[in-house]
Amino acid sequence: MKFKVIKFIFIFKLCFFGLNLYPANFVNSNNKNYSYIFAPGLTSTEMQLAKYLPYFKASTGEIISSKSGIHTINKPINICKFAEIDFKPLNHKEKLSIFNPSRYLYYFFNNYSSKKFSVNIKNQDKLKFAKTLTSYTILVSKINIGQKQDISCLAKTYYEHISKYPNNNIILYGASRGAAAAFNFMAEYNPKQVKAIVLEGIFDSIHNLLMKKIGYFHTVIENLLMLLTSYKKDGVAPIYNISKISKKTPILLITSKADESVPYTCTLNLYRALKANNHENVYILILQKSCHVGYICDDKEDKQAYESVVHAFYKRFKLPHDKALAKKGKAKFKLCNKNI
């Protein structure tokens, strides 16, 4: 009997409080309402948020909590669901939730199985495999890498967000492909309620990225991307949108010298182009030892630098921040605005 009571208490705590569910560690410091929009990376999902937000409910029905990671995003938050993540079953009469690899495989193999982020997932809805491979074809063909389709998805998320929070200022946070989409969205829509953007692992262009990674064989890969996905070689890229970005918008770019997916020189190139265009409110944090999906977990010093610098950036522009972390990151943050 005693064992059952203890078990009940444990399950109750797990269900309602999770393994590491703590409130926001930073609050609005200037009496304004702030909310957040997050644009995830390629072939990942809102579950990627477990790196930055210790507890939330995913639209796919899971309760996500994390023991590690950092806290640089707060609630309320909207997550941009890109086209390949948010498609519906072809046969609407079949009440199936299509098993979407873009939602789960990347997350499982890179995050959950490696235990990098100590993520806890409690399933609420069972997922079923689609009965046809057509869904996989749609999945691949709809993948867009920060271009027109992704920008439209993010714009839709933005307008849905401001209709829900009409009086809120917004911090826009993007990772990898989501960072490129966020940058291009800012350039093309100039959304008035976005007061700052934090962009992790952003590339200047896919063309330059492939050139740096594989040299002159980039043409083959680029043509393959055009064949299999909705990527366009002559489509928009962050480096071509520099002049459209408002110089008033604070921008923090975060990259790593150990990033093999998006070489840090791609992000540095974008930073230099912004500085050359007289964008004074742009900053770049270059980590040393962390991979593309592990900026906040691969190395202790990188993790501390990431979190403290983000909060120092927030403080600099009078955004919600953790005072202790902002103070800790003040010196390093000052180095993020140099001509390099």
Protein backbone atom coordinates (compact mmCIF):
# COMPACT_ATOMS: atom_id res chain seq x y z
CA MET A 1 0.00 0.00 0.00
CA LYS A 2 2.79 2.37 1.01
CA PHE A 3 4.63 1.60 -2.24
CA LYS A 4 1.52 2.41 -4.29
CA VAL A 5 1.11 5.76 -2.53
CA ILE A 6 4.76 6.66 -3.21
CA LYS A 7 4.38 5.56 -6.83
CA PHE A 8 1.23 7.67 -7.18
CA ILE A 9 2.99 10.76 -5.80
CA PHE A 10 5.95 10.23 -8.16
CA ILE A 11 3.70 9.85 -11.22
CA PHE A 12 1.66 12.87 -10.15
CA LYS A 13 4.79 15.01 -9.86
CA LEU A 14 6.13 13.70 -13.18
CA CYS A 15 2.91 14.44 -15.02
CA PHE A 16 2.29 17.90 -13.61
CA PHE A 17 5.73 19.20 -12.77
CA GLY A 18 8.01 17.17 -15.07
CA LEU A 19 11.63 16.41 -14.32
CA ASN A 20 12.89 19.94 -14.40
CA LEU A 21 9.98 22.30 -14.81
CA TYR A 22 10.91 25.63 -13.34
CA PRO A 23 9.51 29.09 -14.01
CA ALA A 24 11.19 31.69 -16.15
CA ASN A 25 14.46 32.89 -14.69
CA PHE A 26 14.10 36.33 -16.22
CA VAL A 27 11.23 38.82 -16.23
CA ASN A 28 10.26 41.96 -18.04
CA SER A 29 12.45 44.71 -16.62
CA ASN A 30 10.88 47.71 -18.31
CA ASN A 31 7.17 47.11 -17.67
CA LYS A 32 6.43 46.11 -21.24
CA ASN A 33 4.86 42.92 -22.45
CA TYR A 34 7.18 40.67 -24.41
CA SER A 35 6.60 37.40 -26.22
CA TYR A 36 8.72 35.15 -28.44
CA ILE A 37 8.63 33.51 -31.85
CA PHE A 38 10.94 30.58 -32.53
CA ALA A 39 11.92 29.37 -36.02
CA PRO A 40 13.49 25.87 -35.80
CA GLY A 41 16.24 24.35 -37.91
CA LEU A 42 16.02 22.00 -40.87
CA THR A 43 14.37 18.60 -40.32
CA SER A 44 13.70 19.41 -36.69
CA THR A 45 10.65 20.42 -34.72
CA GLU A 46 9.45 22.60 -31.95
CA MET A 47 10.86 19.88 -29.69
CA GLN A 48 14.17 21.55 -30.50
CA LEU A 49 12.98 24.16 -28.03
CA ALA A 50 13.95 21.82 -25.20
CA LYS A 51 17.41 23.34 -25.55
CA TYR A 52 16.18 26.82 -24.69
CA LEU A 53 12.90 26.50 -22.81
CA PRO A 54 12.78 23.99 -19.95
CA TYR A 55 9.11 23.04 -20.29
CA PHE A 56 6.36 23.29 -22.89
CA LYS A 57 3.64 21.34 -24.66
CA ALA A 58 4.31 20.58 -28.31
CA SER A 59 1.55 20.90 -30.90
CA THR A 60 2.23 17.26 -31.73
CA GLY A 61 0.92 16.35 -28.28
CA GLU A 62 4.05 15.76 -26.22
CA ILE A 63 5.03 17.33 -22.94
CA ILE A 64 8.69 18.29 -23.29
CA SER A 65 11.00 19.05 -20.40
CA SER A 66 14.76 19.35 -20.14
CA LYS A 67 17.25 18.92 -17.31
CA SER A 68 20.03 20.75 -19.09
CA GLY A 69 20.21 23.38 -21.77
CA ILE A 70 19.94 27.12 -21.30
CA HIS A 71 17.12 29.54 -20.72
CA THR A 72 17.16 32.32 -23.28
CA ILE A 73 13.55 32.07 -24.47
CA ASN A 74 10.52 32.82 -22.35
CA LYS A 75 6.77 32.38 -22.57
CA PRO A 76 4.41 33.16 -24.22
CA ILE A 77 5.86 31.74 -27.42
CA ASN A 78 4.78 30.69 -30.89
CA ILE A 79 6.74 28.16 -32.94
CA CYS A 80 6.92 28.47 -36.70
CA LYS A 81 5.85 25.22 -38.35
CA PHE A 82 7.42 25.08 -41.78
CA ALA A 83 5.57 23.53 -44.71
CA GLU A 84 7.06 20.03 -44.47
CA ILE A 85 6.33 19.91 -40.74
CA ASP A 86 2.75 21.05 -40.92
CA PHE A 87 1.25 19.16 -43.86
CA LYS A 88 -2.00 17.17 -43.59
CA PRO A 89 -2.70 13.53 -44.55
CA LEU A 90 -3.59 13.11 -48.19
CA ASN A 91 -6.64 11.02 -47.37
CA HIS A 92 -8.58 13.09 -44.86
CA LYS A 93 -11.05 10.27 -44.26
CA GLU A 94 -8.28 8.31 -42.61
CA LYS A 95 -7.87 9.74 -39.16
CA LEU A 96 -4.13 9.25 -39.07
CA SER A 97 -1.31 11.37 -37.81
CA ILE A 98 1.32 10.96 -40.48
CA PHE A 99 4.64 9.88 -39.10
CA ASN A 100 6.79 12.77 -40.23
CA PRO A 101 10.57 12.13 -40.16
CA SER A 102 11.25 15.85 -40.16
CA ARG A 103 9.52 16.03 -36.82
CA TYR A 104 11.11 13.13 -35.06
CA LEU A 105 14.14 11.41 -36.56
CA TYR A 106 16.52 14.35 -36.37
CA TYR A 107 15.45 15.08 -32.82
CA PHE A 108 15.69 11.45 -31.71
CA PHE A 109 19.13 10.67 -33.12
CA ASN A 110 20.80 14.01 -32.39
CA ASN A 111 19.22 14.93 -29.09
CA TYR A 112 17.35 12.19 -27.31
CA SER A 113 19.53 9.16 -28.02
CA SER A 114 22.75 11.01 -27.24
CA LYS A 115 21.26 12.34 -23.99
CA LYS A 116 22.88 15.65 -24.78
CA PHE A 117 19.99 17.69 -23.55
CA SER A 118 18.57 15.28 -20.96
CA VAL A 119 15.19 15.73 -22.59
CA ASN A 120 12.13 14.02 -21.17
CA ILE A 121 9.22 13.33 -23.52
CA LYS A 122 5.81 12.19 -22.35
CA ASN A 123 3.65 11.10 -25.28
CA GLN A 124 0.00 12.01 -25.23
CA ASP A 125 -0.99 11.07 -28.75
CA LYS A 126 0.13 7.90 -30.50
CA LEU A 127 1.71 8.43 -33.89
CA LYS A 128 0.93 6.08 -36.75
CA PHE A 129 2.85 5.41 -39.92
CA ALA A 130 1.34 6.70 -43.13
CA LYS A 131 0.09 3.96 -45.43
CA THR A 132 1.72 5.49 -48.44
CA LEU A 133 5.21 6.68 -49.32
CA THR A 134 3.64 9.66 -51.03
CA SER A 135 3.81 11.54 -47.75
CA TYR A 136 7.59 11.18 -47.77
CA THR A 137 7.72 12.61 -51.29
CA ILE A 138 5.70 15.59 -50.10
CA LEU A 139 7.98 15.92 -47.10
CA VAL A 140 11.13 16.20 -49.19
CA SER A 141 9.64 18.39 -51.90
CA LYS A 142 8.34 20.91 -49.36
CA ILE A 143 11.63 21.40 -47.58
CA ASN A 144 12.73 24.99 -48.10
CA ILE A 145 15.95 26.47 -46.73
CA GLY A 146 15.08 29.95 -45.52
CA GLN A 147 13.61 31.01 -48.85
CA LYS A 148 10.19 32.15 -50.07
CA GLN A 149 8.14 29.30 -48.64
CA ASP A 150 9.82 29.45 -45.22
CA ILE A 151 9.46 33.23 -45.12
CA SER A 152 5.73 32.90 -45.84
CA CYS A 153 5.36 30.32 -43.06
CA LEU A 154 7.13 32.62 -40.61
CA ALA A 155 5.02 35.59 -41.73
CA LYS A 156 1.88 33.53 -41.08
CA THR A 157 3.20 32.66 -37.61
CA TYR A 158 3.96 36.32 -36.93
CA TYR A 159 0.50 37.58 -37.89
CA GLU A 160 -1.19 34.82 -35.91
CA HIS A 161 1.03 35.76 -32.97
CA ILE A 162 0.25 39.49 -33.00
CA SER A 163 -3.46 38.79 -33.36
CA LYS A 164 -3.18 36.78 -30.15
CA TYR A 165 -0.81 39.21 -28.42
CA PRO A 166 -1.58 42.57 -30.08
CA ASN A 167 0.16 44.68 -27.44
CA ASN A 168 3.32 42.59 -27.10
CA ASN A 169 6.79 43.38 -28.35
CA ILE A 170 8.49 40.32 -29.83
CA ILE A 171 11.92 38.73 -29.67
CA LEU A 172 12.49 36.58 -32.76
CA TYR A 173 14.76 33.55 -32.27
CA GLY A 174 15.99 31.38 -35.13
CA ALA A 175 18.21 28.32 -35.43
CA SER A 176 20.04 27.35 -38.64
CA ARG A 177 17.50 27.23 -41.48
CA GLY A 178 15.09 29.01 -39.14
CA ALA A 179 17.68 31.74 -38.58
CA ALA A 180 17.94 32.32 -42.33
CA ALA A 181 14.15 32.43 -42.60
CA ALA A 182 13.99 34.91 -39.70
CA PHE A 183 16.63 37.18 -41.25
CA ASN A 184 14.89 37.19 -44.64
CA PHE A 185 11.49 37.71 -43.00
CA MET A 186 12.82 40.77 -41.16
CA ALA A 187 14.24 42.14 -44.42
CA GLU A 188 11.13 41.62 -46.50
CA TYR A 189 8.35 42.33 -43.99
CA ASN A 190 9.96 44.79 -41.55
CA PRO A 191 7.63 43.62 -38.74
CA LYS A 192 7.12 46.52 -36.34
CA GLN A 193 6.59 44.46 -33.19
CA VAL A 194 9.89 42.55 -33.46
CA LYS A 195 12.35 44.42 -31.25
CA ALA A 196 15.38 42.10 -31.53
CA ILE A 197 16.51 38.90 -33.24
CA VAL A 198 18.85 36.15 -32.03
CA LEU A 199 20.16 33.96 -34.85
CA GLU A 200 22.04 30.73 -34.16
CA GLY A 201 24.08 28.94 -36.83
CA ILE A 202 22.94 31.18 -39.69
CA PHE A 203 24.50 30.89 -43.16
CA ASP A 204 25.06 33.79 -45.54
CA SER A 205 23.82 31.73 -48.50
CA ILE A 206 23.51 28.06 -49.38
CA HIS A 207 25.79 28.65 -52.36
CA ASN A 208 28.59 30.00 -50.14
CA LEU A 209 27.99 27.34 -47.52
CA LEU A 210 28.41 24.54 -50.06
CA MET A 211 31.46 26.22 -51.57
CA LYS A 212 33.16 26.29 -48.17
CA LYS A 213 32.22 22.71 -47.35
CA ILE A 214 32.79 20.85 -50.62
CA GLY A 215 34.42 23.29 -53.01
CA TYR A 216 33.58 23.13 -56.69
CA PHE A 217 31.40 20.05 -56.26
CA HIS A 218 28.83 22.43 -54.77
CA THR A 219 27.09 22.64 -58.16
CA VAL A 220 26.13 18.96 -58.03
CA ILE A 221 24.68 19.24 -54.52
CA GLU A 222 22.92 22.50 -55.29
CA ASN A 223 21.27 20.99 -58.36
CA LEU A 224 20.26 17.98 -56.30
CA LEU A 225 18.66 20.27 -53.72
CA MET A 226 16.71 21.99 -56.48
CA LEU A 227 15.56 18.63 -57.81
CA LEU A 228 14.43 17.17 -54.47
CA THR A 229 13.32 20.20 -52.49
CA SER A 230 11.76 23.62 -53.05
CA TYR A 231 15.17 25.32 -52.73
CA LYS A 232 15.93 27.73 -55.61
CA LYS A 233 19.48 28.54 -56.65
CA ASP A 234 18.44 32.08 -57.61
CA GLY A 235 16.20 32.45 -54.57
CA VAL A 236 16.60 34.81 -51.64
CA ALA A 237 19.52 34.45 -49.21
CA PRO A 238 20.45 36.49 -46.12
CA ILE A 239 23.57 37.98 -47.72
CA TYR A 240 21.42 39.50 -50.48
CA ASN A 241 19.00 41.06 -48.00
CA ILE A 242 21.52 43.10 -46.01
CA SER A 243 20.35 46.48 -47.27
CA LYS A 244 16.72 45.71 -46.38
CA ILE A 245 17.37 45.03 -42.70
CA SER A 246 16.46 47.95 -40.47
CA LYS A 247 19.56 49.43 -38.83
CA LYS A 248 17.50 49.97 -35.69
CA THR A 249 16.95 46.23 -35.17
CA PRO A 250 19.36 44.67 -32.65
CA ILE A 251 20.83 41.44 -34.05
CA LEU A 252 22.86 38.81 -32.21
CA LEU A 253 24.55 36.17 -34.39
CA ILE A 254 25.84 33.03 -32.68
CA THR A 255 28.21 30.58 -34.36
CA SER A 256 31.00 28.14 -33.51
CA LYS A 257 34.42 27.36 -34.94
CA ALA A 258 33.61 23.66 -34.50
CA ASP A 259 30.39 23.89 -36.52
CA GLU A 260 30.84 21.58 -39.52
CA SER A 261 27.28 21.97 -40.81
CA VAL A 262 27.36 25.75 -41.20
CA PRO A 263 31.00 26.90 -41.13
CA TYR A 264 31.43 29.87 -38.81
CA THR A 265 32.97 31.85 -41.68
CA CYS A 266 29.51 31.93 -43.33
CA THR A 267 28.07 33.66 -40.26
CA LEU A 268 31.12 35.90 -39.99
CA ASN A 269 30.68 36.92 -43.62
CA LEU A 270 27.11 37.98 -42.88
CA TYR A 271 28.24 39.92 -39.81
CA ARG A 272 30.91 41.77 -41.80
CA ALA A 273 28.41 42.63 -44.52
CA LEU A 274 26.02 44.08 -41.94
CA LYS A 275 28.80 46.12 -40.36
CA ALA A 276 29.90 47.35 -43.78
CA ASN A 277 26.32 48.48 -44.34
CA ASN A 278 26.59 50.62 -41.18
CA HIS A 279 24.45 48.36 -39.05
CA GLU A 280 25.72 49.34 -35.59
CA ASN A 281 23.40 47.11 -33.58
CA VAL A 282 24.76 43.80 -34.84
CA TYR A 283 26.83 41.49 -32.62
CA ILE A 284 28.51 38.14 -33.17
CA LEU A 285 29.42 35.51 -30.58
CA ILE A 286 31.89 32.92 -31.87
CA LEU A 287 31.98 29.79 -29.72
CA GLN A 288 35.01 27.49 -29.83
CA LYS A 289 34.16 23.81 -29.37
CA SER A 290 30.47 23.20 -30.08
CA CYS A 291 28.88 21.46 -33.06
CA HIS A 292 25.89 22.75 -35.03
CA VAL A 293 23.23 21.17 -32.82
CA GLY A 294 25.26 21.39 -29.63
CA TYR A 295 26.00 25.07 -29.07
CA ILE A 296 24.55 24.87 -25.59
CA CYS A 297 25.70 21.42 -24.49
CA ASP A 298 28.96 20.33 -26.14
CA ASP A 299 31.24 22.48 -24.02
CA LYS A 300 30.71 24.02 -20.59
CA GLU A 301 32.48 27.29 -21.40
CA ASP A 302 30.57 27.67 -24.67
CA LYS A 303 27.29 27.03 -22.89
CA GLN A 304 28.03 29.65 -20.24
CA ALA A 305 29.17 32.14 -22.86
CA TYR A 306 26.05 31.56 -24.96
CA GLU A 307 23.59 32.05 -22.12
CA SER A 308 25.32 35.01 -20.45
CA VAL A 309 25.96 36.88 -23.71
CA VAL A 310 22.34 36.50 -24.82
CA HIS A 311 21.19 38.04 -21.54
CA ALA A 312 23.79 40.81 -21.81
CA PHE A 313 22.41 41.49 -25.30
CA TYR A 314 18.90 41.56 -23.88
CA LYS A 315 19.96 44.02 -21.17
CA ARG A 316 21.76 46.29 -23.64
CA PHE A 317 18.49 46.81 -25.52
CA LYS A 318 16.22 46.91 -22.45
CA LEU A 319 14.67 43.51 -23.12
CA PRO A 320 13.61 40.97 -20.47
CA HIS A 321 16.76 39.45 -18.98
CA ASP A 322 18.34 37.71 -16.04
CA LYS A 323 20.38 40.36 -14.20
CA ALA A 324 23.03 37.97 -12.87
CA LEU A 325 23.62 36.35 -16.28
CA ALA A 326 23.69 39.74 -18.02
CA LYS A 327 26.34 40.95 -15.60
CA LYS A 328 28.35 37.76 -16.11
CA GLY A 329 28.27 38.16 -19.90
CA LYS A 330 28.91 41.91 -20.01
CA ALA A 331 32.64 41.77 -20.78
CA LYS A 332 32.35 39.08 -23.45
CA PHE A 333 29.36 40.82 -25.00
CA LYS A 334 31.43 43.99 -25.52
CA LEU A 335 33.78 41.95 -27.70
CA CYS A 336 30.89 40.85 -29.92
CA ASN A 337 30.62 44.20 -31.70
CA LYS A 338 34.18 44.56 -32.98
CA ASN A 339 35.37 44.85 -36.57
CA ILE A 340 36.76 41.38 -37.29
